[in-house]
Amino acid sequence: MEKQLRKLLNRVKMARSVDQMEKITREAYDTLSNSELQILEQAIQDKIQLSTNGKSRW
């Protein structure tokens, strides 16, 4: 499962929109454990926070 989490985190890193990140999250619910989902959701929130602070690396 850890490999799957890394793959999804990389997809979040490369995502260009919130819609893309939401799609990744929906896919993750079928394959990840609760703790892995929390890590993925935190990564998404961090990316959104960076973009709203004007420090986006997108």
PDB file of N, CA and C in Angstrom:
ATOM      1  N   MET A   1       0.814  -1.209   0.000  1.00  0.00           N
ATOM      2  CA  MET A   1       0.000   0.000   0.000  1.00  0.00           C
ATOM      3  C   MET A   1       0.855   1.270   0.000  1.00  0.00           C
ATOM      4  N   GLU A   2       1.996   1.223   0.617  1.00  0.00           N
ATOM      5  CA  GLU A   2       2.834   2.415   0.679  1.00  0.00           C
ATOM      6  C   GLU A   2       3.208   2.905  -0.722  1.00  0.00           C
ATOM      7  N   LYS A   3       3.431   1.964  -1.624  1.00  0.00           N
ATOM      8  CA  LYS A   3       3.763   2.321  -3.000  1.00  0.00           C
ATOM      9  C   LYS A   3       2.594   3.072  -3.645  1.00  0.00           C
ATOM     10  N   GLN A   4       1.387   2.613  -3.385  1.00  0.00           N
ATOM     11  CA  GLN A   4       0.191   3.273  -3.920  1.00  0.00           C
ATOM     12  C   GLN A   4       0.068   4.686  -3.360  1.00  0.00           C
ATOM     13  N   LEU A   5       0.350   4.861  -2.081  1.00  0.00           N
ATOM     14  CA  LEU A   5       0.287   6.187  -1.471  1.00  0.00           C
ATOM     15  C   LEU A   5       1.287   7.123  -2.134  1.00  0.00           C
ATOM     16  N   ARG A   6       2.504   6.667  -2.335  1.00  0.00           N
ATOM     17  CA  ARG A   6       3.520   7.502  -2.990  1.00  0.00           C
ATOM     18  C   ARG A   6       3.079   7.909  -4.392  1.00  0.00           C
ATOM     19  N   LYS A   7       2.498   6.972  -5.100  1.00  0.00           N
ATOM     20  CA  LYS A   7       2.020   7.249  -6.454  1.00  0.00           C
ATOM     21  C   LYS A   7       0.951   8.351  -6.431  1.00  0.00           C
ATOM     22  N   LEU A   8       0.015   8.241  -5.498  1.00  0.00           N
ATOM     23  CA  LEU A   8      -1.049   9.241  -5.401  1.00  0.00           C
ATOM     24  C   LEU A   8      -0.511  10.593  -4.938  1.00  0.00           C
ATOM     25  N   LEU A   9       0.448  10.586  -4.018  1.00  0.00           N
ATOM     26  CA  LEU A   9       1.048  11.844  -3.572  1.00  0.00           C
ATOM     27  C   LEU A   9       1.761  12.544  -4.728  1.00  0.00           C
ATOM     28  N   ASN A  10       2.415  11.781  -5.575  1.00  0.00           N
ATOM     29  CA  ASN A  10       3.057  12.370  -6.749  1.00  0.00           C
ATOM     30  C   ASN A  10       2.028  12.960  -7.700  1.00  0.00           C
ATOM     31  N   ARG A  11       0.893  12.288  -7.837  1.00  0.00           N
ATOM     32  CA  ARG A  11      -0.172  12.833  -8.684  1.00  0.00           C
ATOM     33  C   ARG A  11      -0.719  14.133  -8.104  1.00  0.00           C
ATOM     34  N   VAL A  12      -0.843  14.207  -6.778  1.00  0.00           N
ATOM     35  CA  VAL A  12      -1.292  15.445  -6.137  1.00  0.00           C
ATOM     36  C   VAL A  12      -0.279  16.554  -6.410  1.00  0.00           C
ATOM     37  N   LYS A  13       0.975  16.232  -6.285  1.00  0.00           N
ATOM     38  CA  LYS A  13       2.041  17.210  -6.521  1.00  0.00           C
ATOM     39  C   LYS A  13       1.953  17.790  -7.932  1.00  0.00           C
ATOM     40  N   MET A  14       1.590  16.958  -8.894  1.00  0.00           N
ATOM     41  CA  MET A  14       1.530  17.390 -10.285  1.00  0.00           C
ATOM     42  C   MET A  14       0.173  17.980 -10.680  1.00  0.00           C
ATOM     43  N   ALA A  15      -0.817  17.855  -9.826  1.00  0.00           N
ATOM     44  CA  ALA A  15      -2.169  18.325 -10.147  1.00  0.00           C
ATOM     45  C   ALA A  15      -2.181  19.836 -10.345  1.00  0.00           C
ATOM     46  N   ARG A  16      -2.988  20.275 -11.292  1.00  0.00           N
ATOM     47  CA  ARG A  16      -3.088  21.697 -11.613  1.00  0.00           C
ATOM     48  C   ARG A  16      -4.382  22.342 -11.125  1.00  0.00           C
ATOM     49  N   SER A  17      -5.307  21.533 -10.620  1.00  0.00           N
ATOM     50  CA  SER A  17      -6.572  22.107 -10.170  1.00  0.00           C
ATOM     51  C   SER A  17      -7.119  21.316  -8.986  1.00  0.00           C
ATOM     52  N   VAL A  18      -8.028  21.950  -8.274  1.00  0.00           N
ATOM     53  CA  VAL A  18      -8.683  21.291  -7.151  1.00  0.00           C
ATOM     54  C   VAL A  18      -9.505  20.109  -7.658  1.00  0.00           C
ATOM     55  N   ASP A  19     -10.113  20.259  -8.832  1.00  0.00           N
ATOM     56  CA  ASP A  19     -10.893  19.150  -9.402  1.00  0.00           C
ATOM     57  C   ASP A  19     -10.033  17.910  -9.603  1.00  0.00           C
ATOM     58  N   GLN A  20      -8.815  18.101 -10.087  1.00  0.00           N
ATOM     59  CA  GLN A  20      -7.917  16.962 -10.272  1.00  0.00           C
ATOM     60  C   GLN A  20      -7.584  16.317  -8.931  1.00  0.00           C
ATOM     61  N   MET A  21      -7.351  17.137  -7.917  1.00  0.00           N
ATOM     62  CA  MET A  21      -7.029  16.598  -6.597  1.00  0.00           C
ATOM     63  C   MET A  21      -8.220  15.854  -5.997  1.00  0.00           C
ATOM     64  N   GLU A  22      -9.435  16.362  -6.228  1.00  0.00           N
ATOM     65  CA  GLU A  22     -10.631  15.670  -5.743  1.00  0.00           C
ATOM     66  C   GLU A  22     -10.781  14.309  -6.420  1.00  0.00           C
ATOM     67  N   LYS A  23     -10.490  14.244  -7.704  1.00  0.00           N
ATOM     68  CA  LYS A  23     -10.565  12.971  -8.422  1.00  0.00           C
ATOM     69  C   LYS A  23      -9.566  11.972  -7.839  1.00  0.00           C
ATOM     70  N   ILE A  24      -8.368  12.429  -7.541  1.00  0.00           N
ATOM     71  CA  ILE A  24      -7.347  11.571  -6.938  1.00  0.00           C
ATOM     72  C   ILE A  24      -7.836  11.051  -5.586  1.00  0.00           C
ATOM     73  N   THR A  25      -8.450  11.923  -4.798  1.00  0.00           N
ATOM     74  CA  THR A  25      -8.957  11.531  -3.485  1.00  0.00           C
ATOM     75  C   THR A  25     -10.048  10.471  -3.613  1.00  0.00           C
ATOM     76  N   ARG A  26     -10.956  10.656  -4.566  1.00  0.00           N
ATOM     77  CA  ARG A  26     -12.025   9.661  -4.770  1.00  0.00           C
ATOM     78  C   ARG A  26     -11.438   8.297  -5.122  1.00  0.00           C
ATOM     79  N   GLU A  27     -10.423   8.287  -5.970  1.00  0.00           N
ATOM     80  CA  GLU A  27      -9.766   7.026  -6.326  1.00  0.00           C
ATOM     81  C   GLU A  27      -9.097   6.399  -5.100  1.00  0.00           C
ATOM     82  N   ALA A  28      -8.547   7.226  -4.237  1.00  0.00           N
ATOM     83  CA  ALA A  28      -7.791   6.742  -3.084  1.00  0.00           C
ATOM     84  C   ALA A  28      -8.683   6.049  -2.054  1.00  0.00           C
ATOM     85  N   TYR A  29      -9.940   6.462  -1.944  1.00  0.00           N
ATOM     86  CA  TYR A  29     -10.823   5.867  -0.935  1.00  0.00           C
ATOM     87  C   TYR A  29     -10.971   4.361  -1.112  1.00  0.00           C
ATOM     88  N   ASP A  30     -10.819   3.882  -2.329  1.00  0.00           N
ATOM     89  CA  ASP A  30     -10.965   2.448  -2.588  1.00  0.00           C
ATOM     90  C   ASP A  30      -9.718   1.651  -2.236  1.00  0.00           C
ATOM     91  N   THR A  31      -8.561   2.310  -2.173  1.00  0.00           N
ATOM     92  CA  THR A  31      -7.308   1.556  -2.066  1.00  0.00           C
ATOM     93  C   THR A  31      -6.483   1.830  -0.816  1.00  0.00           C
ATOM     94  N   LEU A  32      -6.701   2.945  -0.146  1.00  0.00           N
ATOM     95  CA  LEU A  32      -5.832   3.316   0.973  1.00  0.00           C
ATOM     96  C   LEU A  32      -6.490   3.082   2.325  1.00  0.00           C
ATOM     97  N   SER A  33      -5.660   2.908   3.342  1.00  0.00           N
ATOM     98  CA  SER A  33      -6.154   2.806   4.717  1.00  0.00           C
ATOM     99  C   SER A  33      -6.489   4.206   5.229  1.00  0.00           C
ATOM    100  N   ASN A  34      -7.128   4.274   6.382  1.00  0.00           N
ATOM    101  CA  ASN A  34      -7.499   5.574   6.952  1.00  0.00           C
ATOM    102  C   ASN A  34      -6.289   6.458   7.199  1.00  0.00           C
ATOM    103  N   SER A  35      -5.219   5.894   7.737  1.00  0.00           N
ATOM    104  CA  SER A  35      -4.034   6.708   8.020  1.00  0.00           C
ATOM    105  C   SER A  35      -3.399   7.208   6.721  1.00  0.00           C
ATOM    106  N   GLU A  36      -3.405   6.381   5.685  1.00  0.00           N
ATOM    107  CA  GLU A  36      -2.858   6.817   4.397  1.00  0.00           C
ATOM    108  C   GLU A  36      -3.734   7.894   3.770  1.00  0.00           C
ATOM    109  N   LEU A  37      -5.047   7.771   3.932  1.00  0.00           N
ATOM    110  CA  LEU A  37      -5.958   8.805   3.433  1.00  0.00           C
ATOM    111  C   LEU A  37      -5.706  10.135   4.131  1.00  0.00           C
ATOM    112  N   GLN A  38      -5.435  10.087   5.428  1.00  0.00           N
ATOM    113  CA  GLN A  38      -5.143  11.317   6.164  1.00  0.00           C
ATOM    114  C   GLN A  38      -3.885  11.986   5.623  1.00  0.00           C
ATOM    115  N   ILE A  39      -2.871  11.201   5.311  1.00  0.00           N
ATOM    116  CA  ILE A  39      -1.636  11.749   4.748  1.00  0.00           C
ATOM    117  C   ILE A  39      -1.927  12.403   3.399  1.00  0.00           C
ATOM    118  N   LEU A  40      -2.690  11.728   2.558  1.00  0.00           N
ATOM    119  CA  LEU A  40      -3.031  12.258   1.241  1.00  0.00           C
ATOM    120  C   LEU A  40      -3.843  13.545   1.362  1.00  0.00           C
ATOM    121  N   GLU A  41      -4.838  13.549   2.228  1.00  0.00           N
ATOM    122  CA  GLU A  41      -5.668  14.739   2.409  1.00  0.00           C
ATOM    123  C   GLU A  41      -4.859  15.905   2.962  1.00  0.00           C
ATOM    124  N   GLN A  42      -3.917  15.635   3.850  1.00  0.00           N
ATOM    125  CA  GLN A  42      -3.055  16.694   4.378  1.00  0.00           C
ATOM    126  C   GLN A  42      -2.182  17.278   3.271  1.00  0.00           C
ATOM    127  N   ALA A  43      -1.680  16.439   2.396  1.00  0.00           N
ATOM    128  CA  ALA A  43      -0.864  16.914   1.275  1.00  0.00           C
ATOM    129  C   ALA A  43      -1.686  17.818   0.356  1.00  0.00           C
ATOM    130  N   ILE A  44      -2.941  17.446   0.129  1.00  0.00           N
ATOM    131  CA  ILE A  44      -3.819  18.270  -0.703  1.00  0.00           C
ATOM    132  C   ILE A  44      -4.085  19.605  -0.025  1.00  0.00           C
ATOM    133  N   GLN A  45      -4.377  19.586   1.271  1.00  0.00           N
ATOM    134  CA  GLN A  45      -4.619  20.833   1.995  1.00  0.00           C
ATOM    135  C   GLN A  45      -3.384  21.722   1.988  1.00  0.00           C
ATOM    136  N   ASP A  46      -2.212  21.127   2.141  1.00  0.00           N
ATOM    137  CA  ASP A  46      -0.970  21.900   2.109  1.00  0.00           C
ATOM    138  C   ASP A  46      -0.779  22.563   0.750  1.00  0.00           C
ATOM    139  N   LYS A  47      -1.067  21.836  -0.312  1.00  0.00           N
ATOM    140  CA  LYS A  47      -0.913  22.383  -1.653  1.00  0.00           C
ATOM    141  C   LYS A  47      -1.897  23.530  -1.877  1.00  0.00           C
ATOM    142  N   ILE A  48      -3.126  23.361  -1.438  1.00  0.00           N
ATOM    143  CA  ILE A  48      -4.122  24.425  -1.575  1.00  0.00           C
ATOM    144  C   ILE A  48      -3.698  25.639  -0.757  1.00  0.00           C
ATOM    145  N   GLN A  49      -3.192  25.417   0.455  1.00  0.00           N
ATOM    146  CA  GLN A  49      -2.737  26.515   1.309  1.00  0.00           C
ATOM    147  C   GLN A  49      -1.600  27.283   0.644  1.00  0.00           C
ATOM    148  N   LEU A  50      -0.655  26.582   0.061  1.00  0.00           N
ATOM    149  CA  LEU A  50       0.446  27.247  -0.635  1.00  0.00           C
ATOM    150  C   LEU A  50      -0.074  28.107  -1.781  1.00  0.00           C
ATOM    151  N   SER A  51      -1.052  27.600  -2.508  1.00  0.00           N
ATOM    152  CA  SER A  51      -1.560  28.346  -3.656  1.00  0.00           C
ATOM    153  C   SER A  51      -2.340  29.580  -3.217  1.00  0.00           C
ATOM    154  N   THR A  52      -3.014  29.524  -2.081  1.00  0.00           N
ATOM    155  CA  THR A  52      -3.788  30.678  -1.630  1.00  0.00           C
ATOM    156  C   THR A  52      -2.908  31.721  -0.950  1.00  0.00           C
ATOM    157  N   ASN A  53      -1.701  31.343  -0.574  1.00  0.00           N
ATOM    158  CA  ASN A  53      -0.763  32.297   0.018  1.00  0.00           C
ATOM    159  C   ASN A  53       0.096  32.982  -1.030  1.00  0.00           C
ATOM    160  N   GLY A  54      -0.155  32.687  -2.292  1.00  0.00           N
ATOM    161  CA  GLY A  54       0.643  33.282  -3.350  1.00  0.00           C
ATOM    162  C   GLY A  54       2.016  32.657  -3.484  1.00  0.00           C
ATOM    163  N   LYS A  55       2.206  31.510  -2.873  1.00  0.00           N
ATOM    164  CA  LYS A  55       3.498  30.837  -2.927  1.00  0.00           C
ATOM    165  C   LYS A  55       3.380  29.538  -3.716  1.00  0.00           C
ATOM    166  N   SER A  56       2.471  29.529  -4.643  1.00  0.00           N
ATOM    167  CA  SER A  56       2.206  28.301  -5.389  1.00  0.00           C
ATOM    168  C   SER A  56       3.417  27.866  -6.196  1.00  0.00           C
ATOM    169  N   ARG A  57       3.637  26.556  -6.184  1.00  0.00           N
ATOM    170  CA  ARG A  57       4.702  25.994  -7.007  1.00  0.00           C
ATOM    171  C   ARG A  57       4.103  25.235  -8.177  1.00  0.00           C
ATOM    172  N   TRP A  58       2.880  25.537  -8.520  1.00  0.00           N
ATOM    173  CA  TRP A  58       2.196  24.817  -9.591  1.00  0.00           C
ATOM    174  C   TRP A  58       2.804  25.192 -10.907  1.00  0.00           C
TER     175      TRP A  58
END
